[in-house]
Amino acid sequence: MLVNDPFPPSEFDSWAEHYDQSTLESTIFPFNGYEKVLQTVLGRAESRPGHAVLDLGTGTGKLALLFDKIGCELWCSDFSPLMLEKARAKLPHAHFALHDLRQAWPSEFERSFDVIVSAYVFHHFELAQKVSICRDLVENRLVPGGKLVIADLSFPDRIAMKTFAASIGDLWDEEFYWLADESLPALRQAGLRAEYEQVSVCAGVYTLC
């Protein structure tokens, strides 16, 4: 466990019981357009039945369920035990690991995947850490030709983020949100092919390989 962790698992454990409902009820921030964002991930992944799909930070399994419905083989990780309990109940046949992306890779997931996805996780990391994790995933965890598809709180640039923050007042939380005009060059400089689609006013999808 990290000392003075700004994002402790216990914070997400307490959210597990009501997480699914909160994604439906929050129409302003942070879950504006949430369902459309998840569907965009599914479309960008271009998965087929039988594909091995890893969902990082699976939470209660909402994104993983979309891949389950098309017949993918699922691996799901999260650092919140109670979130994983909810995901296991929905996806009893999936493979699960209690894992923090800031820690060493879980031994039970030592294999390659056709697709790796993640939703609303990476905004907890500063840009350099985002890039480092993404590069490791693409270089060491994907099959040749595989994709990493990340949905997250993201804005075209800092001006757009500040404009949105001002529009929602006290609902705004300051975290390490993606800024596409900074993130894309950093990802590409790290040797990754990177594309970005703004899906809602505060969220978008990065496709990396």
N, C-alpha and C. Protein backbone atom coordinates (compact mmCIF):
# COMPACT_ATOMS: atom_id res chain seq x y z
N MET A 1 0.85 -1.20 0.00
CA MET A 1 0.00 0.00 0.00
C MET A 1 0.88 1.24 0.00
N LEU A 2 0.49 2.24 -0.80
CA LEU A 2 1.27 3.46 -0.90
C LEU A 2 1.03 4.35 0.32
N VAL A 3 2.10 4.97 0.84
CA VAL A 3 1.98 5.89 1.96
C VAL A 3 1.35 7.19 1.47
N ASN A 4 0.42 7.73 2.24
CA ASN A 4 -0.28 8.97 1.87
C ASN A 4 -0.88 8.89 0.47
N ASP A 5 -1.50 7.78 0.19
CA ASP A 5 -2.09 7.53 -1.13
C ASP A 5 -3.25 8.49 -1.36
N PRO A 6 -3.20 9.32 -2.43
CA PRO A 6 -4.32 10.24 -2.70
C PRO A 6 -5.55 9.52 -3.24
N PHE A 7 -5.38 8.28 -3.69
CA PHE A 7 -6.51 7.50 -4.22
C PHE A 7 -6.51 6.11 -3.58
N PRO A 8 -6.84 6.03 -2.29
CA PRO A 8 -6.80 4.72 -1.61
C PRO A 8 -7.93 3.81 -2.06
N PRO A 9 -7.69 2.50 -2.09
CA PRO A 9 -8.75 1.56 -2.47
C PRO A 9 -10.01 1.70 -1.62
N SER A 10 -9.85 2.05 -0.34
CA SER A 10 -11.00 2.17 0.55
C SER A 10 -12.01 3.21 0.05
N GLU A 11 -11.50 4.24 -0.63
CA GLU A 11 -12.39 5.26 -1.17
C GLU A 11 -13.31 4.68 -2.24
N PHE A 12 -12.79 3.73 -3.00
CA PHE A 12 -13.57 3.11 -4.06
C PHE A 12 -14.41 1.95 -3.53
N ASP A 13 -13.93 1.31 -2.46
CA ASP A 13 -14.75 0.29 -1.80
C ASP A 13 -16.07 0.89 -1.35
N SER A 14 -16.00 2.07 -0.78
CA SER A 14 -17.22 2.70 -0.26
C SER A 14 -18.17 3.14 -1.37
N TRP A 15 -17.64 3.24 -2.59
CA TRP A 15 -18.44 3.68 -3.75
C TRP A 15 -19.06 2.49 -4.48
N ALA A 16 -18.54 1.29 -4.21
CA ALA A 16 -18.91 0.12 -5.01
C ALA A 16 -20.41 -0.14 -5.04
N GLU A 17 -21.07 -0.02 -3.91
CA GLU A 17 -22.49 -0.36 -3.83
C GLU A 17 -23.35 0.54 -4.71
N HIS A 18 -22.92 1.78 -4.90
CA HIS A 18 -23.75 2.76 -5.62
C HIS A 18 -23.12 3.23 -6.93
N TYR A 19 -22.00 2.62 -7.32
CA TYR A 19 -21.28 3.11 -8.50
C TYR A 19 -22.14 3.07 -9.76
N ASP A 20 -22.77 1.95 -10.04
CA ASP A 20 -23.55 1.83 -11.28
C ASP A 20 -24.65 2.87 -11.34
N GLN A 21 -25.31 3.10 -10.21
CA GLN A 21 -26.38 4.09 -10.20
C GLN A 21 -25.84 5.50 -10.38
N SER A 22 -24.68 5.77 -9.81
CA SER A 22 -24.11 7.12 -9.93
C SER A 22 -23.73 7.43 -11.36
N THR A 23 -23.31 6.42 -12.14
CA THR A 23 -22.98 6.69 -13.54
C THR A 23 -24.22 7.03 -14.36
N LEU A 24 -25.37 6.55 -13.93
CA LEU A 24 -26.62 6.86 -14.62
C LEU A 24 -27.16 8.22 -14.23
N GLU A 25 -26.96 8.58 -12.97
CA GLU A 25 -27.56 9.82 -12.44
C GLU A 25 -26.73 11.06 -12.72
N SER A 26 -25.41 10.91 -12.88
CA SER A 26 -24.54 12.07 -13.06
C SER A 26 -24.54 12.49 -14.53
N THR A 27 -25.27 13.55 -14.83
CA THR A 27 -25.36 14.02 -16.21
C THR A 27 -24.53 15.28 -16.45
N ILE A 28 -23.83 15.74 -15.42
CA ILE A 28 -23.04 16.95 -15.55
C ILE A 28 -21.55 16.63 -15.46
N PHE A 29 -21.12 16.02 -14.38
CA PHE A 29 -19.71 15.69 -14.18
C PHE A 29 -19.59 14.70 -13.03
N PRO A 30 -18.81 13.65 -13.14
CA PRO A 30 -17.85 13.36 -14.21
C PRO A 30 -18.36 12.43 -15.30
N PHE A 31 -19.63 12.00 -15.20
CA PHE A 31 -20.09 10.95 -16.11
C PHE A 31 -20.99 11.45 -17.25
N ASN A 32 -20.75 12.68 -17.71
CA ASN A 32 -21.46 13.15 -18.90
C ASN A 32 -21.21 12.18 -20.05
N GLY A 33 -22.28 11.71 -20.68
CA GLY A 33 -22.12 10.86 -21.85
C GLY A 33 -21.45 9.53 -21.59
N TYR A 34 -21.54 9.02 -20.37
CA TYR A 34 -20.79 7.84 -19.95
C TYR A 34 -21.07 6.62 -20.84
N GLU A 35 -22.33 6.33 -21.09
CA GLU A 35 -22.66 5.15 -21.89
C GLU A 35 -22.12 5.28 -23.31
N LYS A 36 -22.19 6.49 -23.88
CA LYS A 36 -21.66 6.70 -25.22
C LYS A 36 -20.15 6.53 -25.24
N VAL A 37 -19.50 6.96 -24.17
CA VAL A 37 -18.04 6.80 -24.07
C VAL A 37 -17.67 5.31 -24.07
N LEU A 38 -18.38 4.51 -23.28
CA LEU A 38 -18.09 3.08 -23.23
C LEU A 38 -18.36 2.41 -24.58
N GLN A 39 -19.42 2.81 -25.25
CA GLN A 39 -19.71 2.25 -26.57
C GLN A 39 -18.63 2.63 -27.57
N THR A 40 -18.06 3.82 -27.41
CA THR A 40 -16.97 4.24 -28.29
C THR A 40 -15.75 3.36 -28.10
N VAL A 41 -15.46 3.00 -26.85
CA VAL A 41 -14.35 2.08 -26.58
C VAL A 41 -14.59 0.75 -27.29
N LEU A 42 -15.81 0.24 -27.18
CA LEU A 42 -16.14 -1.03 -27.83
C LEU A 42 -15.93 -0.94 -29.34
N GLY A 43 -16.36 0.14 -29.93
CA GLY A 43 -16.19 0.31 -31.37
C GLY A 43 -14.73 0.44 -31.78
N ARG A 44 -13.96 1.20 -31.02
CA ARG A 44 -12.54 1.40 -31.34
C ARG A 44 -11.73 0.12 -31.17
N ALA A 45 -12.15 -0.71 -30.23
CA ALA A 45 -11.40 -1.95 -29.97
C ALA A 45 -11.52 -2.94 -31.12
N GLU A 46 -12.65 -2.92 -31.82
CA GLU A 46 -12.89 -3.83 -32.95
C GLU A 46 -12.66 -5.29 -32.55
N SER A 47 -13.15 -5.64 -31.39
CA SER A 47 -12.96 -7.01 -30.90
C SER A 47 -13.91 -7.98 -31.60
N ARG A 48 -13.51 -9.25 -31.57
CA ARG A 48 -14.30 -10.33 -32.15
C ARG A 48 -14.50 -11.42 -31.11
N PRO A 49 -15.47 -12.28 -31.30
CA PRO A 49 -15.63 -13.41 -30.39
C PRO A 49 -14.33 -14.19 -30.24
N GLY A 50 -13.99 -14.51 -29.00
CA GLY A 50 -12.77 -15.24 -28.73
C GLY A 50 -11.56 -14.38 -28.45
N HIS A 51 -11.64 -13.09 -28.72
CA HIS A 51 -10.53 -12.20 -28.40
C HIS A 51 -10.27 -12.18 -26.90
N ALA A 52 -9.01 -12.16 -26.53
CA ALA A 52 -8.62 -11.99 -25.13
C ALA A 52 -8.58 -10.50 -24.82
N VAL A 53 -9.45 -10.06 -23.91
CA VAL A 53 -9.58 -8.64 -23.59
C VAL A 53 -9.25 -8.43 -22.11
N LEU A 54 -8.34 -7.51 -21.85
CA LEU A 54 -7.99 -7.13 -20.49
C LEU A 54 -8.63 -5.78 -20.18
N ASP A 55 -9.40 -5.71 -19.10
CA ASP A 55 -10.02 -4.47 -18.64
C ASP A 55 -9.33 -4.01 -17.37
N LEU A 56 -8.55 -2.94 -17.48
CA LEU A 56 -7.79 -2.42 -16.35
C LEU A 56 -8.64 -1.42 -15.56
N GLY A 57 -8.74 -1.63 -14.26
CA GLY A 57 -9.61 -0.78 -13.45
C GLY A 57 -11.06 -1.05 -13.79
N THR A 58 -11.41 -2.32 -13.80
CA THR A 58 -12.74 -2.72 -14.30
C THR A 58 -13.88 -2.20 -13.44
N GLY A 59 -13.61 -1.83 -12.19
CA GLY A 59 -14.69 -1.36 -11.33
C GLY A 59 -15.75 -2.43 -11.15
N THR A 60 -16.98 -2.07 -11.41
CA THR A 60 -18.08 -3.04 -11.27
C THR A 60 -18.32 -3.84 -12.55
N GLY A 61 -17.46 -3.66 -13.55
CA GLY A 61 -17.53 -4.49 -14.75
C GLY A 61 -18.41 -3.96 -15.86
N LYS A 62 -18.78 -2.69 -15.83
CA LYS A 62 -19.70 -2.17 -16.85
C LYS A 62 -19.09 -2.23 -18.25
N LEU A 63 -17.85 -1.86 -18.39
CA LEU A 63 -17.21 -1.92 -19.71
C LEU A 63 -16.97 -3.37 -20.12
N ALA A 64 -16.50 -4.19 -19.19
CA ALA A 64 -16.23 -5.60 -19.50
C ALA A 64 -17.49 -6.30 -20.01
N LEU A 65 -18.63 -5.95 -19.47
CA LEU A 65 -19.89 -6.57 -19.90
C LEU A 65 -20.14 -6.39 -21.39
N LEU A 66 -19.75 -5.26 -21.95
CA LEU A 66 -19.96 -5.01 -23.38
C LEU A 66 -19.15 -6.00 -24.22
N PHE A 67 -17.94 -6.32 -23.76
CA PHE A 67 -17.10 -7.27 -24.47
C PHE A 67 -17.57 -8.70 -24.23
N ASP A 68 -18.11 -8.95 -23.06
CA ASP A 68 -18.67 -10.27 -22.77
C ASP A 68 -19.82 -10.60 -23.71
N LYS A 69 -20.62 -9.60 -24.02
CA LYS A 69 -21.80 -9.82 -24.86
C LYS A 69 -21.44 -10.22 -26.29
N ILE A 70 -20.22 -9.89 -26.73
CA ILE A 70 -19.83 -10.28 -28.08
C ILE A 70 -18.94 -11.53 -28.07
N GLY A 71 -18.79 -12.14 -26.89
CA GLY A 71 -18.09 -13.41 -26.82
C GLY A 71 -16.59 -13.35 -26.62
N CYS A 72 -16.10 -12.26 -26.02
CA CYS A 72 -14.67 -12.16 -25.74
C CYS A 72 -14.33 -12.92 -24.45
N GLU A 73 -13.07 -13.31 -24.36
CA GLU A 73 -12.55 -13.92 -23.14
C GLU A 73 -11.97 -12.80 -22.28
N LEU A 74 -12.41 -12.70 -21.04
CA LEU A 74 -12.15 -11.50 -20.25
C LEU A 74 -11.19 -11.72 -19.09
N TRP A 75 -10.28 -10.78 -18.95
CA TRP A 75 -9.43 -10.63 -17.77
C TRP A 75 -9.71 -9.25 -17.20
N CYS A 76 -9.94 -9.16 -15.91
CA CYS A 76 -10.35 -7.89 -15.30
C CYS A 76 -9.55 -7.64 -14.02
N SER A 77 -9.03 -6.42 -13.88
CA SER A 77 -8.29 -6.08 -12.66
C SER A 77 -8.84 -4.80 -12.06
N ASP A 78 -8.68 -4.69 -10.75
CA ASP A 78 -9.02 -3.47 -10.03
C ASP A 78 -8.31 -3.51 -8.69
N PHE A 79 -8.12 -2.34 -8.08
CA PHE A 79 -7.45 -2.32 -6.78
C PHE A 79 -8.44 -2.24 -5.63
N SER A 80 -9.72 -2.22 -5.95
CA SER A 80 -10.77 -2.18 -4.93
C SER A 80 -11.41 -3.56 -4.79
N PRO A 81 -11.23 -4.23 -3.65
CA PRO A 81 -11.84 -5.55 -3.47
C PRO A 81 -13.36 -5.55 -3.63
N LEU A 82 -14.02 -4.51 -3.15
CA LEU A 82 -15.48 -4.50 -3.22
C LEU A 82 -15.98 -4.22 -4.64
N MET A 83 -15.24 -3.41 -5.40
CA MET A 83 -15.58 -3.24 -6.81
C MET A 83 -15.46 -4.58 -7.54
N LEU A 84 -14.39 -5.32 -7.25
CA LEU A 84 -14.21 -6.61 -7.90
C LEU A 84 -15.32 -7.60 -7.53
N GLU A 85 -15.80 -7.53 -6.31
CA GLU A 85 -16.92 -8.39 -5.92
C GLU A 85 -18.13 -8.15 -6.84
N LYS A 86 -18.42 -6.88 -7.10
CA LYS A 86 -19.55 -6.54 -7.98
C LYS A 86 -19.30 -7.06 -9.40
N ALA A 87 -18.07 -6.91 -9.88
CA ALA A 87 -17.75 -7.37 -11.24
C ALA A 87 -17.83 -8.89 -11.33
N ARG A 88 -17.35 -9.58 -10.33
CA ARG A 88 -17.40 -11.05 -10.32
C ARG A 88 -18.84 -11.56 -10.37
N ALA A 89 -19.73 -10.86 -9.68
CA ALA A 89 -21.13 -11.28 -9.68
C ALA A 89 -21.74 -11.18 -11.07
N LYS A 90 -21.30 -10.18 -11.86
CA LYS A 90 -21.81 -10.01 -13.21
C LYS A 90 -21.12 -10.93 -14.22
N LEU A 91 -19.85 -11.24 -13.95
CA LEU A 91 -19.03 -11.97 -14.92
C LEU A 91 -18.33 -13.13 -14.23
N PRO A 92 -19.08 -14.12 -13.78
CA PRO A 92 -18.48 -15.21 -12.99
C PRO A 92 -17.46 -16.05 -13.75
N HIS A 93 -17.49 -16.00 -15.08
CA HIS A 93 -16.58 -16.81 -15.89
C HIS A 93 -15.32 -16.05 -16.28
N ALA A 94 -15.21 -14.76 -15.92
CA ALA A 94 -14.03 -13.97 -16.26
C ALA A 94 -12.89 -14.28 -15.30
N HIS A 95 -11.69 -13.86 -15.69
CA HIS A 95 -10.50 -14.00 -14.84
C HIS A 95 -10.29 -12.67 -14.12
N PHE A 96 -10.02 -12.71 -12.82
CA PHE A 96 -9.88 -11.48 -12.04
C PHE A 96 -8.57 -11.45 -11.28
N ALA A 97 -8.08 -10.22 -11.07
CA ALA A 97 -6.90 -10.02 -10.23
C ALA A 97 -7.07 -8.71 -9.46
N LEU A 98 -6.75 -8.76 -8.18
CA LEU A 98 -6.69 -7.55 -7.37
C LEU A 98 -5.34 -6.90 -7.66
N HIS A 99 -5.38 -5.75 -8.32
CA HIS A 99 -4.11 -5.17 -8.81
C HIS A 99 -4.23 -3.66 -8.90
N ASP A 100 -3.16 -3.00 -8.49
CA ASP A 100 -3.01 -1.55 -8.58
C ASP A 100 -2.04 -1.27 -9.73
N LEU A 101 -2.45 -0.47 -10.69
CA LEU A 101 -1.60 -0.18 -11.85
C LEU A 101 -0.28 0.47 -11.47
N ARG A 102 -0.20 1.01 -10.29
CA ARG A 102 1.05 1.63 -9.84
C ARG A 102 2.02 0.61 -9.26
N GLN A 103 1.59 -0.66 -9.18
CA GLN A 103 2.41 -1.71 -8.59
C GLN A 103 2.87 -2.71 -9.66
N ALA A 104 3.66 -3.69 -9.23
CA ALA A 104 4.18 -4.71 -10.16
C ALA A 104 3.04 -5.47 -10.82
N TRP A 105 3.29 -5.92 -12.04
CA TRP A 105 2.27 -6.62 -12.83
C TRP A 105 1.87 -7.92 -12.13
N PRO A 106 0.57 -8.25 -12.11
CA PRO A 106 0.13 -9.47 -11.43
C PRO A 106 0.56 -10.73 -12.18
N SER A 107 1.10 -11.68 -11.45
CA SER A 107 1.64 -12.89 -12.09
C SER A 107 0.56 -13.68 -12.82
N GLU A 108 -0.69 -13.63 -12.34
CA GLU A 108 -1.76 -14.40 -12.98
C GLU A 108 -2.16 -13.82 -14.34
N PHE A 109 -1.68 -12.62 -14.67
CA PHE A 109 -1.98 -12.00 -15.96
C PHE A 109 -0.76 -11.95 -16.86
N GLU A 110 0.20 -12.84 -16.63
CA GLU A 110 1.41 -12.87 -17.45
C GLU A 110 1.10 -13.58 -18.77
N ARG A 111 0.54 -12.85 -19.68
CA ARG A 111 0.19 -13.35 -21.01
C ARG A 111 -0.04 -12.13 -21.90
N SER A 112 -0.29 -12.35 -23.17
CA SER A 112 -0.58 -11.25 -24.10
C SER A 112 -2.07 -11.20 -24.40
N PHE A 113 -2.54 -10.00 -24.74
CA PHE A 113 -3.96 -9.77 -24.98
C PHE A 113 -4.18 -9.18 -26.37
N ASP A 114 -5.32 -9.51 -26.96
CA ASP A 114 -5.69 -8.91 -28.24
C ASP A 114 -6.04 -7.44 -28.08
N VAL A 115 -6.69 -7.14 -26.98
CA VAL A 115 -7.13 -5.77 -26.70
C VAL A 115 -6.99 -5.51 -25.21
N ILE A 116 -6.52 -4.32 -24.86
CA ILE A 116 -6.54 -3.85 -23.48
C ILE A 116 -7.39 -2.58 -23.44
N VAL A 117 -8.31 -2.52 -22.50
CA VAL A 117 -9.17 -1.35 -22.38
C VAL A 117 -9.13 -0.84 -20.94
N SER A 118 -9.54 0.40 -20.78
CA SER A 118 -9.63 0.99 -19.45
C SER A 118 -10.57 2.17 -19.53
N ALA A 119 -11.35 2.37 -18.48
CA ALA A 119 -12.30 3.49 -18.46
C ALA A 119 -12.22 4.24 -17.13
N TYR A 120 -11.92 5.53 -17.23
CA TYR A 120 -11.97 6.45 -16.10
C TYR A 120 -11.01 6.02 -14.98
N VAL A 121 -9.78 5.71 -15.38
CA VAL A 121 -8.75 5.30 -14.43
C VAL A 121 -7.51 6.20 -14.53
N PHE A 122 -7.06 6.47 -15.74
CA PHE A 122 -5.75 7.10 -15.94
C PHE A 122 -5.69 8.56 -15.49
N HIS A 123 -6.82 9.20 -15.22
CA HIS A 123 -6.75 10.59 -14.75
C HIS A 123 -6.21 10.68 -13.33
N HIS A 124 -5.94 9.55 -12.70
CA HIS A 124 -5.29 9.55 -11.40
C HIS A 124 -3.77 9.64 -11.51
N PHE A 125 -3.25 9.59 -12.75
CA PHE A 125 -1.81 9.60 -12.96
C PHE A 125 -1.38 10.86 -13.70
N GLU A 126 -0.22 11.39 -13.33
CA GLU A 126 0.36 12.50 -14.07
C GLU A 126 0.75 12.03 -15.48
N LEU A 127 0.95 12.98 -16.39
CA LEU A 127 1.14 12.64 -17.79
C LEU A 127 2.32 11.68 -17.99
N ALA A 128 3.45 11.94 -17.34
CA ALA A 128 4.61 11.07 -17.54
C ALA A 128 4.30 9.64 -17.12
N GLN A 129 3.52 9.47 -16.06
CA GLN A 129 3.15 8.12 -15.62
C GLN A 129 2.14 7.49 -16.57
N LYS A 130 1.22 8.29 -17.08
CA LYS A 130 0.29 7.79 -18.11
C LYS A 130 1.08 7.20 -19.28
N VAL A 131 2.02 7.98 -19.78
CA VAL A 131 2.80 7.57 -20.95
C VAL A 131 3.60 6.32 -20.65
N SER A 132 4.22 6.26 -19.48
CA SER A 132 5.03 5.10 -19.11
C SER A 132 4.19 3.83 -19.04
N ILE A 133 3.02 3.92 -18.42
CA ILE A 133 2.14 2.75 -18.32
C ILE A 133 1.66 2.33 -19.70
N CYS A 134 1.26 3.30 -20.51
CA CYS A 134 0.76 2.98 -21.86
C CYS A 134 1.83 2.31 -22.70
N ARG A 135 3.04 2.81 -22.63
CA ARG A 135 4.12 2.22 -23.43
C ARG A 135 4.38 0.78 -23.00
N ASP A 136 4.39 0.54 -21.68
CA ASP A 136 4.59 -0.83 -21.20
C ASP A 136 3.48 -1.75 -21.67
N LEU A 137 2.24 -1.27 -21.61
CA LEU A 137 1.11 -2.10 -22.03
C LEU A 137 1.20 -2.46 -23.50
N VAL A 138 1.51 -1.48 -24.33
CA VAL A 138 1.57 -1.72 -25.78
C VAL A 138 2.75 -2.61 -26.14
N GLU A 139 3.90 -2.35 -25.54
CA GLU A 139 5.11 -3.08 -25.91
C GLU A 139 5.17 -4.48 -25.32
N ASN A 140 4.59 -4.68 -24.14
CA ASN A 140 4.79 -5.93 -23.41
C ASN A 140 3.54 -6.74 -23.13
N ARG A 141 2.36 -6.17 -23.34
CA ARG A 141 1.14 -6.88 -22.93
C ARG A 141 0.18 -7.15 -24.08
N LEU A 142 0.44 -6.61 -25.26
CA LEU A 142 -0.44 -6.82 -26.41
C LEU A 142 0.17 -7.81 -27.39
N VAL A 143 -0.69 -8.54 -28.09
CA VAL A 143 -0.23 -9.34 -29.21
C VAL A 143 0.13 -8.39 -30.35
N PRO A 144 0.94 -8.81 -31.32
CA PRO A 144 1.21 -7.96 -32.48
C PRO A 144 -0.09 -7.55 -33.16
N GLY A 145 -0.23 -6.26 -33.40
CA GLY A 145 -1.45 -5.75 -34.01
C GLY A 145 -2.56 -5.46 -33.02
N GLY A 146 -2.30 -5.68 -31.74
CA GLY A 146 -3.31 -5.42 -30.73
C GLY A 146 -3.50 -3.92 -30.46
N LYS A 147 -4.53 -3.60 -29.68
CA LYS A 147 -4.86 -2.21 -29.40
C LYS A 147 -5.02 -1.98 -27.90
N LEU A 148 -4.64 -0.78 -27.48
CA LEU A 148 -4.94 -0.27 -26.15
C LEU A 148 -5.93 0.87 -26.32
N VAL A 149 -7.10 0.76 -25.71
CA VAL A 149 -8.15 1.77 -25.87
C VAL A 149 -8.53 2.29 -24.48
N ILE A 150 -8.33 3.59 -24.29
CA ILE A 150 -8.53 4.21 -22.98
C ILE A 150 -9.60 5.28 -23.06
N ALA A 151 -10.64 5.12 -22.25
CA ALA A 151 -11.65 6.17 -22.09
C ALA A 151 -11.38 6.88 -20.78
N ASP A 152 -11.47 8.20 -20.81
CA ASP A 152 -11.19 8.91 -19.56
C ASP A 152 -11.67 10.36 -19.65
N LEU A 153 -11.61 11.01 -18.51
CA LEU A 153 -11.89 12.43 -18.44
C LEU A 153 -10.78 13.16 -19.19
N SER A 154 -11.16 13.88 -20.23
CA SER A 154 -10.17 14.43 -21.14
C SER A 154 -10.76 15.62 -21.88
N PHE A 155 -9.87 16.55 -22.25
CA PHE A 155 -10.29 17.78 -22.93
C PHE A 155 -9.34 18.06 -24.09
N PRO A 156 -9.80 18.80 -25.09
CA PRO A 156 -8.92 19.10 -26.22
C PRO A 156 -7.66 19.87 -25.79
N ASP A 157 -7.82 20.78 -24.83
CA ASP A 157 -6.69 21.59 -24.39
C ASP A 157 -7.03 22.21 -23.03
N ARG A 158 -6.09 22.94 -22.47
CA ARG A 158 -6.27 23.52 -21.13
C ARG A 158 -7.37 24.58 -21.11
N ILE A 159 -7.52 25.33 -22.19
CA ILE A 159 -8.57 26.34 -22.24
C ILE A 159 -9.94 25.69 -22.16
N ALA A 160 -10.12 24.61 -22.91
CA ALA A 160 -11.40 23.90 -22.88
C ALA A 160 -11.67 23.35 -21.49
N MET A 161 -10.64 22.83 -20.83
CA MET A 161 -10.82 22.30 -19.48
C MET A 161 -11.22 23.40 -18.50
N LYS A 162 -10.55 24.52 -18.57
CA LYS A 162 -10.85 25.61 -17.64
C LYS A 162 -12.24 26.18 -17.90
N THR A 163 -12.65 26.25 -19.15
CA THR A 163 -13.98 26.73 -19.49
C THR A 163 -15.04 25.79 -18.92
N PHE A 164 -14.81 24.49 -19.07
CA PHE A 164 -15.76 23.52 -18.53
C PHE A 164 -15.78 23.58 -17.01
N ALA A 165 -14.62 23.68 -16.38
CA ALA A 165 -14.55 23.73 -14.92
C ALA A 165 -15.34 24.92 -14.38
N ALA A 166 -15.20 26.05 -15.04
CA ALA A 166 -15.92 27.24 -14.60
C ALA A 166 -17.43 27.07 -14.75
N SER A 167 -17.85 26.29 -15.73
CA SER A 167 -19.28 26.13 -16.00
C SER A 167 -19.98 25.26 -14.97
N ILE A 168 -19.23 24.41 -14.24
CA ILE A 168 -19.88 23.51 -13.28
C ILE A 168 -19.59 23.87 -11.82
N GLY A 169 -18.80 24.89 -11.60
CA GLY A 169 -18.60 25.41 -10.25
C GLY A 169 -18.06 24.39 -9.27
N ASP A 170 -18.77 24.20 -8.16
CA ASP A 170 -18.30 23.35 -7.07
C ASP A 170 -18.26 21.87 -7.41
N LEU A 171 -18.84 21.46 -8.53
CA LEU A 171 -18.79 20.06 -8.93
C LEU A 171 -17.41 19.65 -9.43
N TRP A 172 -16.59 20.64 -9.75
CA TRP A 172 -15.27 20.36 -10.33
C TRP A 172 -14.31 19.83 -9.28
N ASP A 173 -13.57 18.79 -9.62
CA ASP A 173 -12.47 18.27 -8.81
C ASP A 173 -11.19 18.37 -9.64
N GLU A 174 -10.13 18.83 -9.01
CA GLU A 174 -8.86 18.99 -9.72
C GLU A 174 -8.08 17.69 -9.67
N GLU A 175 -7.93 17.03 -10.82
CA GLU A 175 -7.13 15.82 -10.92
C GLU A 175 -6.29 15.90 -12.20
N PHE A 176 -5.63 14.80 -12.54
CA PHE A 176 -4.69 14.82 -13.67
C PHE A 176 -5.42 14.45 -14.96
N TYR A 177 -6.37 15.30 -15.36
CA TYR A 177 -7.15 15.02 -16.55
C TYR A 177 -6.29 15.12 -17.81
N TRP A 178 -6.64 14.30 -18.80
CA TRP A 178 -5.92 14.32 -20.07
C TRP A 178 -6.20 15.64 -20.80
N LEU A 179 -5.18 16.16 -21.43
CA LEU A 179 -5.30 17.27 -22.37
C LEU A 179 -4.75 16.77 -23.69
N ALA A 180 -5.61 16.64 -24.69
CA ALA A 180 -5.20 15.97 -25.93
C ALA A 180 -4.03 16.67 -26.62
N ASP A 181 -3.98 18.00 -26.55
CA ASP A 181 -2.91 18.71 -27.25
C ASP A 181 -1.54 18.51 -26.58
N GLU A 182 -1.54 18.05 -25.32
CA GLU A 182 -0.30 17.71 -24.65
C GLU A 182 -0.06 16.19 -24.66
N SER A 183 -1.13 15.43 -24.50
CA SER A 183 -1.00 13.98 -24.35
C SER A 183 -0.59 13.30 -25.65
N LEU A 184 -1.21 13.68 -26.76
CA LEU A 184 -0.90 13.02 -28.03
C LEU A 184 0.57 13.17 -28.42
N PRO A 185 1.15 14.38 -28.36
CA PRO A 185 2.58 14.48 -28.68
C PRO A 185 3.46 13.66 -27.73
N ALA A 186 3.10 13.62 -26.45
CA ALA A 186 3.90 12.86 -25.49
C ALA A 186 3.83 11.37 -25.77
N LEU A 187 2.65 10.88 -26.10
CA LEU A 187 2.49 9.46 -26.43
C LEU A 187 3.25 9.11 -27.71
N ARG A 188 3.15 9.97 -28.70
CA ARG A 188 3.83 9.71 -29.97
C ARG A 188 5.34 9.79 -29.82
N GLN A 189 5.81 10.71 -28.98
CA GLN A 189 7.25 10.81 -28.73
C GLN A 189 7.78 9.54 -28.07
N ALA A 190 6.91 8.86 -27.33
CA ALA A 190 7.29 7.61 -26.68
C ALA A 190 7.24 6.42 -27.64
N GLY A 191 6.93 6.68 -28.91
CA GLY A 191 6.94 5.64 -29.92
C GLY A 191 5.60 4.96 -30.15
N LEU A 192 4.54 5.55 -29.62
CA LEU A 192 3.21 4.96 -29.76
C LEU A 192 2.43 5.65 -30.87
N ARG A 193 1.66 4.87 -31.61
CA ARG A 193 0.70 5.45 -32.53
C ARG A 193 -0.55 5.79 -31.72
N ALA A 194 -0.98 7.02 -31.78
CA ALA A 194 -2.05 7.47 -30.89
C ALA A 194 -3.07 8.30 -31.65
N GLU A 195 -4.35 7.97 -31.42
CA GLU A 195 -5.46 8.74 -31.96
C GLU A 195 -6.38 9.13 -30.81
N TYR A 196 -7.13 10.20 -31.01
CA TYR A 196 -8.02 10.68 -29.95
C TYR A 196 -9.35 11.12 -30.53
N GLU A 197 -10.43 10.79 -29.79
CA GLU A 197 -11.77 11.23 -30.15
C GLU A 197 -12.44 11.84 -28.93
N GLN A 198 -12.84 13.10 -29.03
CA GLN A 198 -13.62 13.73 -27.96
C GLN A 198 -15.05 13.23 -28.08
N VAL A 199 -15.56 12.59 -27.03
CA VAL A 199 -16.88 11.97 -27.10
C VAL A 199 -17.93 12.81 -26.40
N SER A 200 -17.61 13.32 -25.22
CA SER A 200 -18.52 14.21 -24.51
C SER A 200 -17.77 15.49 -24.20
N VAL A 201 -18.41 16.42 -23.53
CA VAL A 201 -17.76 17.68 -23.24
C VAL A 201 -16.57 17.50 -22.30
N CYS A 202 -16.54 16.40 -21.54
CA CYS A 202 -15.44 16.22 -20.58
C CYS A 202 -14.77 14.86 -20.68
N ALA A 203 -15.05 14.08 -21.69
CA ALA A 203 -14.44 12.75 -21.79
C ALA A 203 -14.15 12.39 -23.23
N GLY A 204 -13.14 11.56 -23.42
CA GLY A 204 -12.77 11.14 -24.76
C GLY A 204 -12.10 9.78 -24.73
N VAL A 205 -11.71 9.31 -25.90
CA VAL A 205 -11.16 7.96 -26.04
C VAL A 205 -9.83 8.04 -26.82
N TYR A 206 -8.79 7.46 -26.22
CA TYR A 206 -7.48 7.35 -26.84
C TYR A 206 -7.30 5.92 -27.36
N THR A 207 -6.87 5.79 -28.60
CA THR A 207 -6.59 4.48 -29.19
C THR A 207 -5.10 4.42 -29.49
N LEU A 208 -4.44 3.43 -28.92
CA LEU A 208 -2.98 3.35 -28.99
C LEU A 208 -2.54 1.99 -29.50
N CYS A 209 -1.43 1.99 -30.23
CA CYS A 209 -0.82 0.73 -30.65
C CYS A 209 0.65 0.98 -30.99
